[in-house]
Protein backbone atom coordinates (compact mmCIF):
# COMPACT_ATOMS: atom_id res chain seq x y z
CA GLN A 1 0.00 0.00 0.00
CA VAL A 2 1.14 3.50 -0.81
CA GLN A 3 0.14 6.50 1.25
CA LEU A 4 0.56 10.21 0.60
CA VAL A 5 0.22 12.54 3.56
CA GLU A 6 0.11 16.33 3.25
CA SER A 7 0.92 18.73 6.05
CA GLY A 8 1.69 22.40 6.58
CA GLY A 9 -1.64 24.01 5.79
CA GLY A 10 -3.26 26.62 7.97
CA LEU A 11 -4.52 30.17 8.27
CA VAL A 12 -2.25 32.95 7.04
CA GLN A 13 -2.70 36.65 6.34
CA PRO A 14 -2.44 38.01 2.81
CA GLY A 15 1.20 38.44 1.86
CA GLY A 16 2.27 35.65 4.18
CA SER A 17 3.96 32.33 3.48
CA LEU A 18 3.32 28.66 4.06
CA ARG A 19 5.26 25.52 3.20
CA LEU A 20 3.32 22.39 2.35
CA THR A 21 4.86 18.93 2.60
CA CYS A 22 3.75 15.69 0.94
CA ALA A 23 5.34 12.54 2.29
CA ALA A 24 4.98 9.26 0.42
CA SER A 25 5.31 5.96 2.27
CA GLY A 26 4.64 2.26 1.83
CA SER A 27 5.52 0.03 -1.07
CA ILE A 28 7.50 2.36 -3.36
CA PHE A 29 10.02 1.37 -6.00
CA SER A 30 10.07 4.62 -7.99
CA ILE A 31 8.25 7.94 -7.91
CA TYR A 32 7.87 9.73 -11.22
CA THR A 33 6.03 13.01 -11.67
CA MET A 34 4.63 14.60 -8.52
CA ALA A 35 2.12 17.41 -8.43
CA TRP A 36 0.15 19.78 -6.27
CA TYR A 37 -3.52 20.43 -6.99
CA ARG A 38 -5.98 22.67 -5.21
CA GLN A 39 -9.73 22.92 -4.97
CA ALA A 40 -11.55 26.00 -3.77
CA PRO A 41 -15.17 25.85 -2.58
CA GLY A 42 -17.54 25.55 -5.52
CA LYS A 43 -14.72 25.20 -8.03
CA GLU A 44 -13.11 22.33 -9.90
CA ARG A 45 -9.79 20.87 -8.80
CA GLU A 46 -6.94 22.83 -10.39
CA LEU A 47 -3.39 21.75 -11.19
CA VAL A 48 -1.01 24.12 -9.41
CA ALA A 49 2.48 22.77 -10.07
CA THR A 50 4.30 19.67 -11.25
CA ILE A 51 7.80 18.33 -10.79
CA THR A 52 9.36 15.41 -12.64
CA SER A 53 11.84 12.92 -11.25
CA SER A 54 14.60 14.98 -12.88
CA ASN A 55 13.30 18.17 -11.23
CA ASN A 56 11.71 19.81 -14.24
CA THR A 57 8.93 22.05 -12.97
CA ASN A 58 5.81 23.72 -14.30
CA TYR A 59 3.35 26.11 -12.70
CA VAL A 60 -0.10 27.47 -13.39
CA ASP A 61 0.20 31.12 -14.40
CA SER A 62 -1.55 32.41 -11.28
CA VAL A 63 1.22 31.16 -8.96
CA LYS A 64 4.32 31.74 -11.08
CA GLY A 65 6.91 33.75 -9.19
CA ARG A 66 5.17 33.13 -5.84
CA PHE A 67 5.15 29.33 -5.41
CA THR A 68 8.09 26.94 -5.64
CA ILE A 69 7.72 23.18 -5.96
CA SER A 70 10.59 20.91 -4.95
CA ARG A 71 11.24 17.32 -3.93
CA ASP A 72 13.67 15.22 -1.95
CA ASN A 73 13.90 11.87 -3.71
CA ALA A 74 15.85 10.28 -0.85
CA LYS A 75 12.95 11.04 1.50
CA ASN A 76 10.11 10.42 -1.00
CA THR A 77 8.89 13.90 -0.13
CA MET A 78 7.61 16.87 -2.09
CA TYR A 79 7.25 20.48 -0.99
CA LEU A 80 5.35 23.57 -2.04
CA GLN A 81 6.75 26.86 -0.78
CA MET A 82 4.02 29.46 -1.08
CA ASN A 83 4.95 33.12 -0.73
CA SER A 84 3.00 36.35 -1.19
CA LEU A 85 -0.21 34.47 -0.56
CA LYS A 86 -3.48 35.96 -1.74
CA PRO A 87 -7.07 35.31 -0.63
CA GLU A 88 -7.69 33.60 -3.97
CA ASP A 89 -5.11 30.96 -3.00
CA THR A 90 -7.54 29.72 -0.36
CA ALA A 91 -8.31 26.07 -1.11
CA VAL A 92 -7.73 22.49 -0.08
CA TYR A 93 -4.34 21.50 -1.46
CA TYR A 94 -3.79 17.90 -2.60
CA CYS A 95 -0.63 16.11 -3.55
CA ASN A 96 -0.53 13.58 -6.35
CA ALA A 97 2.20 11.19 -7.39
CA ASP A 98 2.81 8.74 -10.20
CA ILE A 99 4.35 5.75 -8.46
CA ARG A 100 5.71 2.38 -9.45
CA PRO A 101 5.14 0.31 -6.32
CA PHE A 102 7.01 -2.85 -7.21
CA ARG A 103 10.35 -3.62 -8.86
CA THR A 104 8.89 -6.80 -10.34
CA THR A 105 6.36 -5.00 -12.55
CA ILE A 106 6.46 -1.82 -14.61
CA ARG A 107 2.89 -0.91 -13.68
CA ARG A 108 2.46 2.60 -12.30
CA PHE A 109 -0.43 4.11 -10.42
CA SER A 110 -1.63 7.58 -9.52
CA TYR A 111 -1.98 8.23 -5.81
CA TRP A 112 -3.61 11.12 -3.93
CA GLY A 113 -3.24 12.55 -0.47
CA GLN A 114 -6.15 13.49 1.74
CA GLY A 115 -5.65 17.25 1.36
CA THR A 116 -4.63 20.10 3.61
CA GLN A 117 -6.59 23.33 4.03
CA VAL A 118 -4.93 26.64 3.21
CA THR A 119 -6.85 29.76 4.18
CA VAL A 120 -5.57 33.23 3.31
CA SER A 121 -7.51 35.87 5.18
CA SER A 122 -7.01 38.95 7.31
């Protein structure tokens, strides 16, 4: 079994910063692309940022220059540093990872964390 656990969410004032962490555990042979998504109330889930196993990154335009995605392959962990936060960043943030659980098969699966709430408000 593979588990993704997010942490680091909370309440922050506009202009503030938060750092989200996504830790993967369980049966893991390789982790490929990892990503952060978010879902605001009444809106569809939105892709925020992605990072490949070779550390190539991409961001949605609305967070470019403010958010930084990174990963520590040795720890099976991904991060999202969020600076200059705005009220419109308020959402539940989810991590997602493309994981090959077993060395004996090339099959890969997409896993999701349970989400962490980020609220930006004065």
